[in-house]
PDB file of N, CA and C in Angstrom:
ATOM      1  N   UNK A   1      -0.279  16.028 -82.313  1.00  0.00           N
ATOM      2  CA  UNK A   1      -1.373  16.636 -81.200  1.00  0.00           C
ATOM      3  C   UNK A   1      -1.719  17.620 -81.702  1.00  0.00           C
ATOM      4  N   UNK A   2      -2.990  18.258 -81.481  1.00  0.00           N
ATOM      5  CA  UNK A   2      -3.684  19.337 -81.156  1.00  0.00           C
ATOM      6  C   UNK A   2      -3.442  20.650 -81.005  1.00  0.00           C
ATOM      7  N   UNK A   3      -3.958  21.644 -81.657  1.00  0.00           N
ATOM      8  CA  UNK A   3      -3.628  23.266 -80.751  1.00  0.00           C
ATOM      9  C   UNK A   3      -5.626  23.030 -79.860  1.00  0.00           C
ATOM     10  N   UNK A   4      -6.091  22.384 -79.891  1.00  0.00           N
ATOM     11  CA  UNK A   4      -7.601  22.222 -79.170  1.00  0.00           C
ATOM     12  C   UNK A   4      -6.958  22.623 -77.751  1.00  0.00           C
ATOM     13  N   UNK A   5      -7.778  23.192 -76.944  1.00  0.00           N
ATOM     14  CA  UNK A   5      -7.694  23.522 -75.436  1.00  0.00           C
ATOM     15  C   UNK A   5      -7.552  22.056 -74.430  1.00  0.00           C
ATOM     16  N   UNK A   6      -7.287  21.434 -73.632  1.00  0.00           N
ATOM     17  CA  UNK A   6      -7.215  20.315 -73.203  1.00  0.00           C
ATOM     18  C   UNK A   6      -7.046  20.763 -71.413  1.00  0.00           C
ATOM     19  N   UNK A   7      -8.276  19.752 -70.420  1.00  0.00           N
ATOM     20  CA  UNK A   7      -8.808  20.119 -69.530  1.00  0.00           C
ATOM     21  C   UNK A   7      -8.179  18.395 -68.732  1.00  0.00           C
ATOM     22  N   UNK A   8      -7.787  18.573 -67.852  1.00  0.00           N
ATOM     23  CA  UNK A   8      -7.253  17.942 -66.890  1.00  0.00           C
ATOM     24  C   UNK A   8      -8.321  17.318 -65.697  1.00  0.00           C
ATOM     25  N   UNK A   9      -8.784  16.446 -65.577  1.00  0.00           N
ATOM     26  CA  UNK A   9      -9.935  16.592 -64.407  1.00  0.00           C
ATOM     27  C   UNK A   9      -9.476  15.553 -63.516  1.00  0.00           C
ATOM     28  N   UNK A  10     -10.207  15.385 -62.711  1.00  0.00           N
ATOM     29  CA  UNK A  10     -10.056  14.457 -60.940  1.00  0.00           C
ATOM     30  C   UNK A  10     -11.135  13.753 -61.178  1.00  0.00           C
ATOM     31  N   UNK A  11     -12.080  14.131 -61.515  1.00  0.00           N
ATOM     32  CA  UNK A  11     -13.557  13.606 -61.339  1.00  0.00           C
ATOM     33  C   UNK A  11     -14.985  15.170 -61.553  1.00  0.00           C
ATOM     34  N   UNK A  12     -16.174  14.668 -60.838  1.00  0.00           N
ATOM     35  CA  UNK A  12     -17.024  15.949 -61.472  1.00  0.00           C
ATOM     36  C   UNK A  12     -17.217  16.138 -59.802  1.00  0.00           C
ATOM     37  N   UNK A  13     -17.855  17.516 -60.086  1.00  0.00           N
ATOM     38  CA  UNK A  13     -17.874  18.370 -58.716  1.00  0.00           C
ATOM     39  C   UNK A  13     -19.268  18.751 -58.776  1.00  0.00           C
ATOM     40  N   UNK A  14     -19.978  18.668 -60.094  1.00  0.00           N
ATOM     41  CA  UNK A  14     -21.618  19.390 -59.888  1.00  0.00           C
ATOM     42  C   UNK A  14     -21.950  19.100 -60.833  1.00  0.00           C
ATOM     43  N   UNK A  15     -23.360  18.585 -61.401  1.00  0.00           N
ATOM     44  CA  UNK A  15     -23.903  18.747 -62.567  1.00  0.00           C
ATOM     45  C   UNK A  15     -25.226  18.827 -62.518  1.00  0.00           C
ATOM     46  N   UNK A  16     -25.839  20.050 -63.787  1.00  0.00           N
ATOM     47  CA  UNK A  16     -27.254  20.531 -63.831  1.00  0.00           C
ATOM     48  C   UNK A  16     -27.088  20.161 -65.415  1.00  0.00           C
ATOM     49  N   UNK A  17     -29.156  20.006 -65.581  1.00  0.00           N
ATOM     50  CA  UNK A  17     -29.278  20.259 -66.913  1.00  0.00           C
ATOM     51  C   UNK A  17     -30.429  21.286 -66.732  1.00  0.00           C
ATOM     52  N   UNK A  18     -29.546  22.380 -68.431  1.00  0.00           N
ATOM     53  CA  UNK A  18     -30.483  23.638 -68.078  1.00  0.00           C
ATOM     54  C   UNK A  18     -30.752  23.818 -69.878  1.00  0.00           C
ATOM     55  N   UNK A  19     -31.831  24.150 -69.955  1.00  0.00           N
ATOM     56  CA  UNK A  19     -32.523  24.035 -71.913  1.00  0.00           C
ATOM     57  C   UNK A  19     -31.474  23.182 -72.783  1.00  0.00           C
ATOM     58  N   UNK A  20     -32.011  21.928 -72.298  1.00  0.00           N
ATOM     59  CA  UNK A  20     -30.987  21.382 -72.802  1.00  0.00           C
ATOM     60  C   UNK A  20     -29.744  20.799 -72.805  1.00  0.00           C
ATOM     61  N   UNK A  21     -29.300  21.311 -72.037  1.00  0.00           N
ATOM     62  CA  UNK A  21     -27.831  21.088 -72.126  1.00  0.00           C
ATOM     63  C   UNK A  21     -27.309  20.248 -70.362  1.00  0.00           C
ATOM     64  N   UNK A  22     -26.074  19.286 -70.510  1.00  0.00           N
ATOM     65  CA  UNK A  22     -26.010  18.615 -69.283  1.00  0.00           C
ATOM     66  C   UNK A  22     -24.859  19.410 -68.983  1.00  0.00           C
ATOM     67  N   UNK A  23     -25.030  20.348 -67.873  1.00  0.00           N
ATOM     68  CA  UNK A  23     -23.509  21.305 -67.544  1.00  0.00           C
ATOM     69  C   UNK A  23     -22.606  20.215 -66.231  1.00  0.00           C
ATOM     70  N   UNK A  24     -21.676  19.830 -66.641  1.00  0.00           N
ATOM     71  CA  UNK A  24     -20.926  19.261 -65.772  1.00  0.00           C
ATOM     72  C   UNK A  24     -19.703  19.378 -65.342  1.00  0.00           C
ATOM     73  N   UNK A  25     -19.864  20.659 -64.219  1.00  0.00           N
ATOM     74  CA  UNK A  25     -18.299  20.404 -63.679  1.00  0.00           C
ATOM     75  C   UNK A  25     -17.278  19.798 -63.096  1.00  0.00           C
ATOM     76  N   UNK A  26     -16.765  20.256 -63.657  1.00  0.00           N
ATOM     77  CA  UNK A  26     -14.751  19.080 -63.066  1.00  0.00           C
ATOM     78  C   UNK A  26     -14.194  20.047 -62.357  1.00  0.00           C
ATOM     79  N   UNK A  27     -13.742  18.596 -61.809  1.00  0.00           N
ATOM     80  CA  UNK A  27     -12.853  19.210 -60.714  1.00  0.00           C
ATOM     81  C   UNK A  27     -11.203  18.531 -60.892  1.00  0.00           C
ATOM     82  N   UNK A  28     -10.399  19.491 -60.005  1.00  0.00           N
ATOM     83  CA  UNK A  28      -9.092  19.136 -60.220  1.00  0.00           C
ATOM     84  C   UNK A  28      -8.986  19.212 -58.370  1.00  0.00           C
ATOM     85  N   UNK A  29      -7.797  18.037 -57.827  1.00  0.00           N
ATOM     86  CA  UNK A  29      -7.631  18.000 -56.613  1.00  0.00           C
ATOM     87  C   UNK A  29      -6.551  19.127 -56.390  1.00  0.00           C
ATOM     88  N   UNK A  30      -6.833  19.788 -55.254  1.00  0.00           N
ATOM     89  CA  UNK A  30      -5.782  21.300 -54.843  1.00  0.00           C
ATOM     90  C   UNK A  30      -5.031  20.044 -53.733  1.00  0.00           C
ATOM     91  N   UNK A  31      -3.570  21.419 -53.964  1.00  0.00           N
ATOM     92  CA  UNK A  31      -2.341  20.687 -53.352  1.00  0.00           C
ATOM     93  C   UNK A  31      -3.419  20.532 -51.369  1.00  0.00           C
ATOM     94  N   UNK A  32      -4.239  20.881 -50.816  1.00  0.00           N
ATOM     95  CA  UNK A  32      -4.656  20.373 -49.665  1.00  0.00           C
ATOM     96  C   UNK A  32      -5.779  19.265 -49.936  1.00  0.00           C
ATOM     97  N   UNK A  33      -5.691  18.582 -50.841  1.00  0.00           N
ATOM     98  CA  UNK A  33      -6.372  17.450 -51.592  1.00  0.00           C
ATOM     99  C   UNK A  33      -7.757  17.504 -51.936  1.00  0.00           C
ATOM    100  N   UNK A  34      -8.200  18.948 -51.470  1.00  0.00           N
ATOM    101  CA  UNK A  34      -9.855  19.329 -51.574  1.00  0.00           C
ATOM    102  C   UNK A  34     -10.343  19.637 -52.902  1.00  0.00           C
ATOM    103  N   UNK A  35     -10.957  18.777 -54.069  1.00  0.00           N
ATOM    104  CA  UNK A  35     -11.660  19.093 -54.960  1.00  0.00           C
ATOM    105  C   UNK A  35     -12.353  20.692 -55.133  1.00  0.00           C
ATOM    106  N   UNK A  36     -11.044  21.162 -56.163  1.00  0.00           N
ATOM    107  CA  UNK A  36     -11.681  23.011 -56.632  1.00  0.00           C
ATOM    108  C   UNK A  36     -12.468  22.368 -58.082  1.00  0.00           C
ATOM    109  N   UNK A  37     -13.374  23.535 -58.832  1.00  0.00           N
ATOM    110  CA  UNK A  37     -13.617  23.487 -59.534  1.00  0.00           C
ATOM    111  C   UNK A  37     -12.412  23.882 -60.560  1.00  0.00           C
ATOM    112  N   UNK A  38     -12.167  23.250 -62.004  1.00  0.00           N
ATOM    113  CA  UNK A  38     -11.149  23.386 -63.142  1.00  0.00           C
ATOM    114  C   UNK A  38     -11.781  23.524 -64.505  1.00  0.00           C
ATOM    115  N   UNK A  39     -13.363  23.296 -64.708  1.00  0.00           N
ATOM    116  CA  UNK A  39     -13.802  23.863 -65.829  1.00  0.00           C
ATOM    117  C   UNK A  39     -15.075  23.250 -65.614  1.00  0.00           C
ATOM    118  N   UNK A  40     -15.975  23.604 -67.373  1.00  0.00           N
ATOM    119  CA  UNK A  40     -17.625  22.671 -66.993  1.00  0.00           C
ATOM    120  C   UNK A  40     -17.653  22.224 -68.679  1.00  0.00           C
ATOM    121  N   UNK A  41     -18.225  21.244 -68.742  1.00  0.00           N
ATOM    122  CA  UNK A  41     -18.026  20.371 -69.759  1.00  0.00           C
ATOM    123  C   UNK A  41     -19.639  20.373 -69.718  1.00  0.00           C
ATOM    124  N   UNK A  42     -19.951  20.973 -71.226  1.00  0.00           N
ATOM    125  CA  UNK A  42     -20.926  20.987 -71.852  1.00  0.00           C
ATOM    126  C   UNK A  42     -21.503  19.869 -72.962  1.00  0.00           C
ATOM    127  N   UNK A  43     -22.436  19.123 -72.787  1.00  0.00           N
ATOM    128  CA  UNK A  43     -23.035  18.375 -73.806  1.00  0.00           C
ATOM    129  C   UNK A  43     -24.712  18.618 -73.414  1.00  0.00           C
ATOM    130  N   UNK A  44     -25.031  18.619 -75.134  1.00  0.00           N
ATOM    131  CA  UNK A  44     -26.873  18.509 -75.276  1.00  0.00           C
ATOM    132  C   UNK A  44     -26.759  16.909 -74.447  1.00  0.00           C
ATOM    133  N   UNK A  45     -27.841  17.131 -73.921  1.00  0.00           N
ATOM    134  CA  UNK A  45     -28.611  16.081 -73.395  1.00  0.00           C
ATOM    135  C   UNK A  45     -29.019  14.830 -74.254  1.00  0.00           C
ATOM    136  N   UNK A  46     -29.493  15.200 -75.499  1.00  0.00           N
ATOM    137  CA  UNK A  46     -29.508  14.100 -76.106  1.00  0.00           C
ATOM    138  C   UNK A  46     -28.099  13.717 -76.642  1.00  0.00           C
ATOM    139  N   UNK A  47     -27.462  14.297 -76.982  1.00  0.00           N
ATOM    140  CA  UNK A  47     -25.720  13.227 -76.882  1.00  0.00           C
ATOM    141  C   UNK A  47     -24.782  12.750 -75.510  1.00  0.00           C
ATOM    142  N   UNK A  48     -26.045  12.942 -74.822  1.00  0.00           N
ATOM    143  CA  UNK A  48     -25.474  12.641 -73.143  1.00  0.00           C
ATOM    144  C   UNK A  48     -25.670  10.398 -73.448  1.00  0.00           C
ATOM    145  N   UNK A  49     -26.462  10.097 -73.403  1.00  0.00           N
ATOM    146  CA  UNK A  49     -25.973   8.443 -74.144  1.00  0.00           C
ATOM    147  C   UNK A  49     -25.285   8.407 -73.975  1.00  0.00           C
ATOM    148  N   UNK A  50     -25.023   8.968 -75.766  1.00  0.00           N
ATOM    149  CA  UNK A  50     -23.825   8.635 -76.617  1.00  0.00           C
ATOM    150  C   UNK A  50     -22.655   8.831 -76.158  1.00  0.00           C
ATOM    151  N   UNK A  51     -22.202   9.715 -75.092  1.00  0.00           N
ATOM    152  CA  UNK A  51     -21.106  10.658 -74.890  1.00  0.00           C
ATOM    153  C   UNK A  51     -19.874   9.587 -73.274  1.00  0.00           C
ATOM    154  N   UNK A  52     -21.760   9.109 -72.377  1.00  0.00           N
ATOM    155  CA  UNK A  52     -21.872   8.509 -71.450  1.00  0.00           C
ATOM    156  C   UNK A  52     -21.469   6.894 -71.334  1.00  0.00           C
ATOM    157  N   UNK A  53     -21.952   6.111 -72.959  1.00  0.00           N
ATOM    158  CA  UNK A  53     -21.252   5.345 -73.415  1.00  0.00           C
ATOM    159  C   UNK A  53     -20.019   4.949 -73.991  1.00  0.00           C
ATOM    160  N   UNK A  54     -19.501   6.202 -75.140  1.00  0.00           N
ATOM    161  CA  UNK A  54     -18.268   6.132 -75.155  1.00  0.00           C
ATOM    162  C   UNK A  54     -17.362   6.164 -74.107  1.00  0.00           C
ATOM    163  N   UNK A  55     -17.646   6.741 -73.620  1.00  0.00           N
ATOM    164  CA  UNK A  55     -16.144   7.036 -72.198  1.00  0.00           C
ATOM    165  C   UNK A  55     -16.405   4.782 -70.917  1.00  0.00           C
ATOM    166  N   UNK A  56     -17.535   4.815 -71.099  1.00  0.00           N
ATOM    167  CA  UNK A  56     -17.721   3.337 -70.781  1.00  0.00           C
ATOM    168  C   UNK A  56     -16.885   2.538 -71.880  1.00  0.00           C
ATOM    169  N   UNK A  57     -16.708   2.726 -72.629  1.00  0.00           N
ATOM    170  CA  UNK A  57     -16.628   1.390 -74.186  1.00  0.00           C
ATOM    171  C   UNK A  57     -14.630   1.926 -73.834  1.00  0.00           C
ATOM    172  N   UNK A  58     -14.026   2.943 -73.109  1.00  0.00           N
ATOM    173  CA  UNK A  58     -13.035   3.496 -73.389  1.00  0.00           C
ATOM    174  C   UNK A  58     -12.406   2.725 -71.663  1.00  0.00           C
ATOM    175  N   UNK A  59     -13.304   2.763 -70.982  1.00  0.00           N
ATOM    176  CA  UNK A  59     -13.024   2.533 -69.760  1.00  0.00           C
ATOM    177  C   UNK A  59     -12.408   1.059 -69.475  1.00  0.00           C
ATOM    178  N   UNK A  60     -13.466  -0.152 -70.242  1.00  0.00           N
ATOM    179  CA  UNK A  60     -13.127  -1.371 -70.817  1.00  0.00           C
ATOM    180  C   UNK A  60     -11.632  -1.126 -71.119  1.00  0.00           C
ATOM    181  N   UNK A  61     -11.765  -0.951 -72.110  1.00  0.00           N
ATOM    182  CA  UNK A  61     -10.295  -1.221 -73.411  1.00  0.00           C
ATOM    183  C   UNK A  61      -9.319  -0.573 -72.727  1.00  0.00           C
ATOM    184  N   UNK A  62      -9.191   0.405 -71.778  1.00  0.00           N
ATOM    185  CA  UNK A  62      -8.727   0.413 -70.901  1.00  0.00           C
ATOM    186  C   UNK A  62      -7.865  -0.584 -69.962  1.00  0.00           C
ATOM    187  N   UNK A  63      -9.248  -1.396 -69.347  1.00  0.00           N
ATOM    188  CA  UNK A  63      -9.418  -2.828 -68.260  1.00  0.00           C
ATOM    189  C   UNK A  63      -8.424  -3.314 -68.767  1.00  0.00           C
ATOM    190  N   UNK A  64      -8.734  -3.976 -70.247  1.00  0.00           N
ATOM    191  CA  UNK A  64      -8.633  -5.026 -70.655  1.00  0.00           C
ATOM    192  C   UNK A  64      -7.116  -4.701 -71.466  1.00  0.00           C
ATOM    193  N   UNK A  65      -6.830  -3.646 -71.305  1.00  0.00           N
ATOM    194  CA  UNK A  65      -5.407  -2.915 -72.019  1.00  0.00           C
ATOM    195  C   UNK A  65      -3.802  -3.345 -70.729  1.00  0.00           C
ATOM    196  N   UNK A  66      -4.707  -3.266 -69.327  1.00  0.00           N
ATOM    197  CA  UNK A  66      -4.303  -3.603 -68.184  1.00  0.00           C
ATOM    198  C   UNK A  66      -3.802  -4.440 -67.957  1.00  0.00           C
ATOM    199  N   UNK A  67      -5.125  -5.436 -68.056  1.00  0.00           N
ATOM    200  CA  UNK A  67      -5.201  -6.919 -67.440  1.00  0.00           C
ATOM    201  C   UNK A  67      -3.855  -7.876 -69.255  1.00  0.00           C
ATOM    202  N   UNK A  68      -3.919  -7.444 -69.926  1.00  0.00           N
ATOM    203  CA  UNK A  68      -3.301  -7.815 -71.321  1.00  0.00           C
ATOM    204  C   UNK A  68      -1.732  -7.889 -70.394  1.00  0.00           C
ATOM    205  N   UNK A  69      -1.126  -6.372 -69.942  1.00  0.00           N
ATOM    206  CA  UNK A  69       0.014  -6.304 -69.555  1.00  0.00           C
ATOM    207  C   UNK A  69       0.494  -6.795 -67.907  1.00  0.00           C
ATOM    208  N   UNK A  70      -0.290  -6.668 -67.437  1.00  0.00           N
ATOM    209  CA  UNK A  70      -0.417  -7.915 -66.292  1.00  0.00           C
ATOM    210  C   UNK A  70       0.394  -9.016 -66.130  1.00  0.00           C
ATOM    211  N   UNK A  71      -0.314  -9.766 -67.614  1.00  0.00           N
ATOM    212  CA  UNK A  71      -0.387 -10.855 -67.779  1.00  0.00           C
ATOM    213  C   UNK A  71       1.327 -11.576 -68.488  1.00  0.00           C
ATOM    214  N   UNK A  72       1.266 -10.474 -69.243  1.00  0.00           N
ATOM    215  CA  UNK A  72       2.810 -10.281 -69.558  1.00  0.00           C
ATOM    216  C   UNK A  72       3.962 -10.191 -68.946  1.00  0.00           C
ATOM    217  N   UNK A  73       3.630  -9.199 -68.254  1.00  0.00           N
ATOM    218  CA  UNK A  73       4.924  -9.732 -66.874  1.00  0.00           C
ATOM    219  C   UNK A  73       4.475 -10.453 -65.800  1.00  0.00           C
ATOM    220  N   UNK A  74       5.927 -10.871 -64.853  1.00  0.00           N
ATOM    221  CA  UNK A  74       6.450 -11.533 -64.502  1.00  0.00           C
ATOM    222  C   UNK A  74       5.258 -12.095 -63.321  1.00  0.00           C
ATOM    223  N   UNK A  75       4.950 -13.306 -63.514  1.00  0.00           N
ATOM    224  CA  UNK A  75       3.757 -13.944 -62.396  1.00  0.00           C
ATOM    225  C   UNK A  75       4.280 -14.050 -61.091  1.00  0.00           C
ATOM    226  N   UNK A  76       5.587 -13.302 -60.439  1.00  0.00           N
ATOM    227  CA  UNK A  76       6.219 -13.871 -59.671  1.00  0.00           C
ATOM    228  C   UNK A  76       6.579 -12.213 -58.851  1.00  0.00           C
ATOM    229  N   UNK A  77       5.817 -11.518 -58.836  1.00  0.00           N
ATOM    230  CA  UNK A  77       6.747 -10.170 -58.910  1.00  0.00           C
ATOM    231  C   UNK A  77       5.718 -10.022 -57.418  1.00  0.00           C
ATOM    232  N   UNK A  78       6.557  -8.514 -56.959  1.00  0.00           N
ATOM    233  CA  UNK A  78       5.886  -8.656 -56.066  1.00  0.00           C
ATOM    234  C   UNK A  78       4.696  -7.831 -55.400  1.00  0.00           C
ATOM    235  N   UNK A  79       4.896  -6.100 -56.605  1.00  0.00           N
ATOM    236  CA  UNK A  79       3.539  -5.336 -56.600  1.00  0.00           C
ATOM    237  C   UNK A  79       3.186  -5.801 -57.697  1.00  0.00           C
ATOM    238  N   UNK A  80       1.757  -4.849 -58.069  1.00  0.00           N
ATOM    239  CA  UNK A  80       1.569  -4.761 -58.921  1.00  0.00           C
ATOM    240  C   UNK A  80       2.094  -4.395 -60.179  1.00  0.00           C
ATOM    241  N   UNK A  81       1.443  -4.629 -61.454  1.00  0.00           N
ATOM    242  CA  UNK A  81       2.250  -3.575 -62.769  1.00  0.00           C
ATOM    243  C   UNK A  81       1.541  -2.868 -62.509  1.00  0.00           C
ATOM    244  N   UNK A  82       2.359  -2.138 -63.010  1.00  0.00           N
ATOM    245  CA  UNK A  82       1.710  -0.843 -63.700  1.00  0.00           C
ATOM    246  C   UNK A  82       1.614  -1.025 -64.496  1.00  0.00           C
ATOM    247  N   UNK A  83      -0.002   0.539 -64.795  1.00  0.00           N
ATOM    248  CA  UNK A  83      -0.268   0.786 -66.289  1.00  0.00           C
ATOM    249  C   UNK A  83       0.382   1.283 -67.164  1.00  0.00           C
ATOM    250  N   UNK A  84       0.470   0.771 -68.555  1.00  0.00           N
ATOM    251  CA  UNK A  84       1.674   1.535 -69.504  1.00  0.00           C
ATOM    252  C   UNK A  84       1.284   2.870 -69.321  1.00  0.00           C
ATOM    253  N   UNK A  85       2.549   3.440 -69.838  1.00  0.00           N
ATOM    254  CA  UNK A  85       2.416   4.960 -69.656  1.00  0.00           C
ATOM    255  C   UNK A  85       1.598   5.480 -70.990  1.00  0.00           C
ATOM    256  N   UNK A  86       1.579   4.812 -72.068  1.00  0.00           N
ATOM    257  CA  UNK A  86       0.667   5.622 -73.044  1.00  0.00           C
ATOM    258  C   UNK A  86       0.080   4.112 -73.792  1.00  0.00           C
ATOM    259  N   UNK A  87      -0.863   4.257 -74.945  1.00  0.00           N
ATOM    260  CA  UNK A  87      -1.310   3.738 -75.456  1.00  0.00           C
ATOM    261  C   UNK A  87      -2.561   4.281 -76.442  1.00  0.00           C
ATOM    262  N   UNK A  88      -2.895   4.100 -77.219  1.00  0.00           N
ATOM    263  CA  UNK A  88      -4.023   4.785 -77.809  1.00  0.00           C
ATOM    264  C   UNK A  88      -5.048   3.693 -78.290  1.00  0.00           C
ATOM    265  N   UNK A  89      -6.161   4.174 -78.063  1.00  0.00           N
ATOM    266  CA  UNK A  89      -7.399   3.836 -78.939  1.00  0.00           C
ATOM    267  C   UNK A  89      -8.682   4.731 -79.934  1.00  0.00           C
ATOM    268  N   UNK A  90      -9.289   4.268 -80.959  1.00  0.00           N
ATOM    269  CA  UNK A  90     -10.282   5.365 -81.881  1.00  0.00           C
ATOM    270  C   UNK A  90      -9.045   5.072 -82.916  1.00  0.00           C
ATOM    271  N   UNK A  91      -8.046   4.116 -83.329  1.00  0.00           N
ATOM    272  CA  UNK A  91      -8.051   3.912 -84.557  1.00  0.00           C
ATOM    273  C   UNK A  91      -7.281   5.199 -84.235  1.00  0.00           C
ATOM    274  N   UNK A  92      -6.172   6.020 -84.137  1.00  0.00           N
ATOM    275  CA  UNK A  92      -5.237   6.836 -84.012  1.00  0.00           C
ATOM    276  C   UNK A  92      -4.154   6.305 -83.763  1.00  0.00           C
TER     277      UNK A  92
END
């Protein structure tokens, strides 16, 4: 584990670009179920495509892992299998 700050997010609330920097306002759902700003992610616009592709690759890897887990579980299960509680990508 690192000592770097962590940011939990449920989604994106807003995004803008100014002076070559994408400012993405992250949101968390509050107790009332409504999104509230929880932080801002700053990404240089020139790096945004690579960043987005990295996230897309991660989503594909998670989807593959979920399908593998589902295939290993009993096919007669009444409920859909849960996502594994932990796994790592990227050689960590």
